[in-house]
Protein backbone atom coordinates (compact mmCIF):
# COMPACT_ATOMS: atom_id res chain seq x y z
CA MET A 1 18.36 -26.18 -48.07
CA THR A 2 18.24 -22.97 -50.05
CA THR A 3 20.64 -21.47 -52.53
CA HIS A 4 21.60 -18.94 -49.92
CA ASP A 5 22.55 -21.80 -47.46
CA VAL A 6 24.68 -23.42 -50.12
CA PHE A 7 26.49 -20.28 -50.93
CA PHE A 8 27.06 -19.39 -47.33
CA ALA A 9 28.41 -22.87 -46.62
CA ILE A 10 30.86 -22.62 -49.63
CA VAL A 11 32.07 -19.16 -48.63
CA GLY A 12 32.21 -20.15 -44.91
CA ALA A 13 34.33 -23.22 -45.80
CA ILE A 14 36.68 -21.07 -47.90
CA CYS A 15 36.96 -18.68 -44.92
CA LEU A 16 37.60 -21.42 -42.45
CA ALA A 17 40.29 -23.12 -44.68
CA ALA A 18 42.06 -19.84 -45.29
CA ALA A 19 42.03 -19.03 -41.65
CA LEU A 20 43.50 -22.37 -40.72
CA LEU A 21 46.19 -21.91 -43.34
CA ALA A 22 46.93 -18.36 -42.07
CA VAL A 23 47.82 -19.74 -38.64
CA THR A 24 49.42 -22.99 -39.61
CA THR A 25 51.75 -21.97 -42.51
CA LYS A 26 55.45 -21.72 -41.90
CA HIS A 27 55.96 -18.69 -44.31
CA ILE A 28 55.10 -15.25 -42.76
CA LEU A 29 54.25 -13.71 -46.04
CA HIS A 30 51.99 -16.66 -47.01
CA SER A 31 50.30 -16.20 -43.70
CA ALA A 32 49.47 -12.68 -44.40
CA LEU A 33 48.14 -13.56 -47.80
CA TRP A 34 45.97 -16.33 -46.35
CA LEU A 35 44.61 -13.84 -43.95
CA THR A 36 43.64 -11.64 -46.78
CA VAL A 37 41.72 -14.51 -48.34
CA SER A 38 39.97 -15.32 -44.99
CA LEU A 39 38.95 -11.64 -44.50
CA GLY A 40 37.70 -11.39 -48.03
CA ALA A 41 35.60 -14.60 -47.67
CA LEU A 42 34.20 -13.28 -44.39
CA ALA A 43 33.07 -10.34 -46.41
CA GLY A 44 31.45 -12.77 -48.72
CA CYS A 45 29.63 -14.27 -45.87
CA TYR A 46 28.20 -10.92 -44.81
CA LEU A 47 27.14 -10.34 -48.42
CA VAL A 48 25.32 -13.73 -48.64
CA LEU A 49 23.68 -12.79 -45.30
CA GLY A 50 22.39 -9.60 -46.83
CA ALA A 51 24.56 -7.20 -44.88
CA GLU A 52 26.11 -5.35 -47.73
CA PHE A 53 27.25 -2.39 -45.68
CA VAL A 54 29.12 -4.65 -43.25
CA ALA A 55 30.68 -6.54 -46.24
CA LEU A 56 31.90 -3.28 -47.66
CA VAL A 57 33.31 -2.09 -44.45
CA GLN A 58 35.05 -5.45 -44.04
CA LEU A 59 36.71 -5.11 -47.46
CA ILE A 60 37.80 -1.39 -46.94
CA VAL A 61 38.85 -1.62 -43.36
CA TYR A 62 40.40 -5.00 -42.99
CA VAL A 63 41.35 -6.15 -46.44
CA GLY A 64 42.17 -2.71 -47.72
CA ALA A 65 43.83 -1.19 -44.79
CA VAL A 66 44.94 -3.68 -42.09
CA VAL A 67 46.28 -6.42 -44.37
CA VAL A 68 48.03 -3.84 -46.54
CA LEU A 69 49.58 -2.43 -43.36
CA VAL A 70 50.71 -5.95 -42.37
CA LEU A 71 52.19 -6.64 -45.81
CA PHE A 72 53.84 -3.20 -45.65
CA ALA A 73 55.39 -3.93 -42.21
CA LEU A 74 56.63 -7.24 -43.39
CA MET A 75 58.40 -5.56 -46.31
CA LEU A 76 59.90 -2.71 -44.28
CA THR A 77 61.17 -4.94 -41.52
CA ARG A 78 62.79 -7.26 -43.94
CA ALA A 79 60.91 -10.33 -42.71
CA PRO A 80 62.04 -13.54 -44.19
CA ILE A 81 59.98 -14.43 -47.19
CA GLY A 82 60.74 -18.15 -47.11
CA ARG A 83 60.60 -20.60 -44.30
CA SER A 84 62.15 -19.29 -41.08
CA VAL A 85 63.72 -21.49 -38.39
CA ALA A 86 63.40 -18.52 -35.91
CA HIS A 87 59.65 -18.48 -36.28
CA ASP A 88 59.04 -22.29 -35.91
CA THR A 89 57.39 -23.58 -32.80
CA PRO A 90 57.83 -27.02 -31.29
CA ARG A 91 55.10 -29.73 -31.69
CA VAL A 92 54.24 -29.73 -28.06
CA GLN A 93 53.49 -25.91 -28.11
CA ARG A 94 51.32 -26.30 -31.34
CA ALA A 95 49.44 -29.17 -29.68
CA ALA A 96 48.94 -27.18 -26.52
CA ALA A 97 47.63 -24.23 -28.68
CA PHE A 98 45.30 -26.45 -30.46
CA VAL A 99 43.85 -27.93 -27.25
CA LEU A 100 43.40 -24.52 -25.85
CA ALA A 101 41.74 -23.21 -29.02
CA THR A 102 39.30 -26.15 -29.02
CA ALA A 103 38.56 -25.71 -25.34
CA THR A 104 37.88 -21.90 -25.93
CA ALA A 105 35.71 -22.66 -28.90
CA THR A 106 33.72 -25.20 -26.95
CA LEU A 107 33.36 -22.84 -24.03
CA ILE A 108 31.98 -19.99 -26.34
CA GLY A 109 29.65 -22.35 -28.14
CA ALA A 110 28.25 -23.69 -24.81
CA ALA A 111 27.74 -20.00 -23.66
CA LEU A 112 25.98 -19.07 -26.85
CA ILE A 113 23.82 -22.21 -26.82
CA THR A 114 23.00 -21.53 -23.07
CA GLY A 115 22.41 -17.86 -23.63
CA PHE A 116 20.09 -18.10 -26.65
CA GLY A 117 18.80 -21.72 -26.48
CA THR A 118 16.35 -22.50 -29.07
CA GLU A 119 14.86 -19.03 -29.19
CA SER A 120 15.30 -17.03 -32.36
CA VAL A 121 16.87 -13.67 -32.17
CA ASN A 122 14.64 -11.00 -33.68
CA LEU A 123 16.60 -7.88 -34.65
CA ARG A 124 14.62 -4.81 -35.44
CA PRO A 125 15.27 -3.57 -39.09
CA ASN A 126 17.45 -0.45 -39.20
CA THR A 127 17.37 2.04 -41.90
CA THR A 128 20.43 3.57 -43.48
CA GLU A 129 19.53 6.73 -41.68
CA GLN A 130 19.56 5.06 -38.22
CA LEU A 131 22.82 3.24 -39.13
CA ALA A 132 24.50 6.44 -40.19
CA THR A 133 23.24 8.27 -37.00
CA GLN A 134 24.90 5.44 -34.91
CA ILE A 135 28.13 5.39 -36.90
CA PHE A 136 28.68 9.04 -37.02
CA ALA A 137 27.36 10.05 -33.72
CA THR A 138 28.28 7.15 -31.47
CA TRP A 139 31.30 5.51 -33.20
CA SER A 140 33.13 8.42 -34.92
CA TRP A 141 35.75 8.90 -32.16
CA PRO A 142 36.69 5.25 -31.97
CA PHE A 143 37.19 5.07 -35.75
CA GLU A 144 39.22 8.22 -35.66
CA LEU A 145 41.32 6.80 -32.78
CA LEU A 146 41.87 3.48 -34.78
CA SER A 147 43.01 5.39 -37.85
CA LEU A 148 45.44 7.29 -35.63
CA LEU A 149 46.73 3.98 -34.24
CA LEU A 150 47.16 2.58 -37.74
CA LEU A 151 49.01 5.80 -38.75
CA ILE A 152 51.38 5.50 -35.73
CA ALA A 153 52.12 1.88 -36.48
CA LEU A 154 52.93 2.80 -40.15
CA VAL A 155 55.31 5.57 -39.13
CA SER A 156 56.89 3.27 -36.51
CA ALA A 157 57.44 0.52 -39.01
CA LEU A 158 59.15 2.98 -41.36
CA ALA A 159 61.31 4.41 -38.59
CA LEU A 160 62.40 0.78 -37.52
CA SER A 161 63.18 -0.12 -41.10
CA ARG A 162 65.67 2.76 -41.32
CA LEU A 163 67.66 1.65 -38.23
CA ARG A 164 70.93 -0.02 -39.14
CA VAL A 165 71.54 -3.49 -37.57
CA GLY A 166 72.93 -3.08 -34.14
CA GLU A 167 72.37 0.62 -33.97
CA ALA A 168 70.30 2.07 -31.22
CA PRO A 169 68.34 5.33 -31.86
CA ASP A 170 69.79 8.40 -30.31
CA ASP A 171 67.92 11.34 -29.13
CA ASP A 172 70.40 13.76 -30.87
CA ASP A 173 70.06 11.99 -34.25
CA GLU A 174 67.41 13.06 -36.69
CA VAL A 175 65.71 10.54 -38.92
CA ASP A 176 66.15 11.31 -42.59
CA ALA A 177 62.84 11.28 -44.47
């Protein structure tokens, strides 16, 4: 076992623990913060594997943008900071979700083992120029559409936070900025 394997196991365990805490905690804000830790640890996994560019994109896009957007939406919608009875799920529903998640993970694992078997996957090395060509030629429009979607979500969260309780938006009313 090499040093890279040890670091990968440590960072992977942190990522897994944070992900489990993100979906099992009863506090919505704590869940968003554990999601931040999980996504940051996943960037650490990419870094240990030698994919520095993917790790940087993980930090910028997910930790820097998506999680900040989620936290911003939680603040604007006045989500409860402490434990919320309205967001609790019964034990039966949690058990069913656990069984379904375990079955899905088993199915995906079996498909991956069947698909790849014991063969090693050899990826051709890409240069930075080839990666830039793929990103800016092939994937520029999906990135732009994703940024537009995030902008729409941010503006919608702001508009929803300005509504008064029990008030429906009217077509004649203008929203004050």
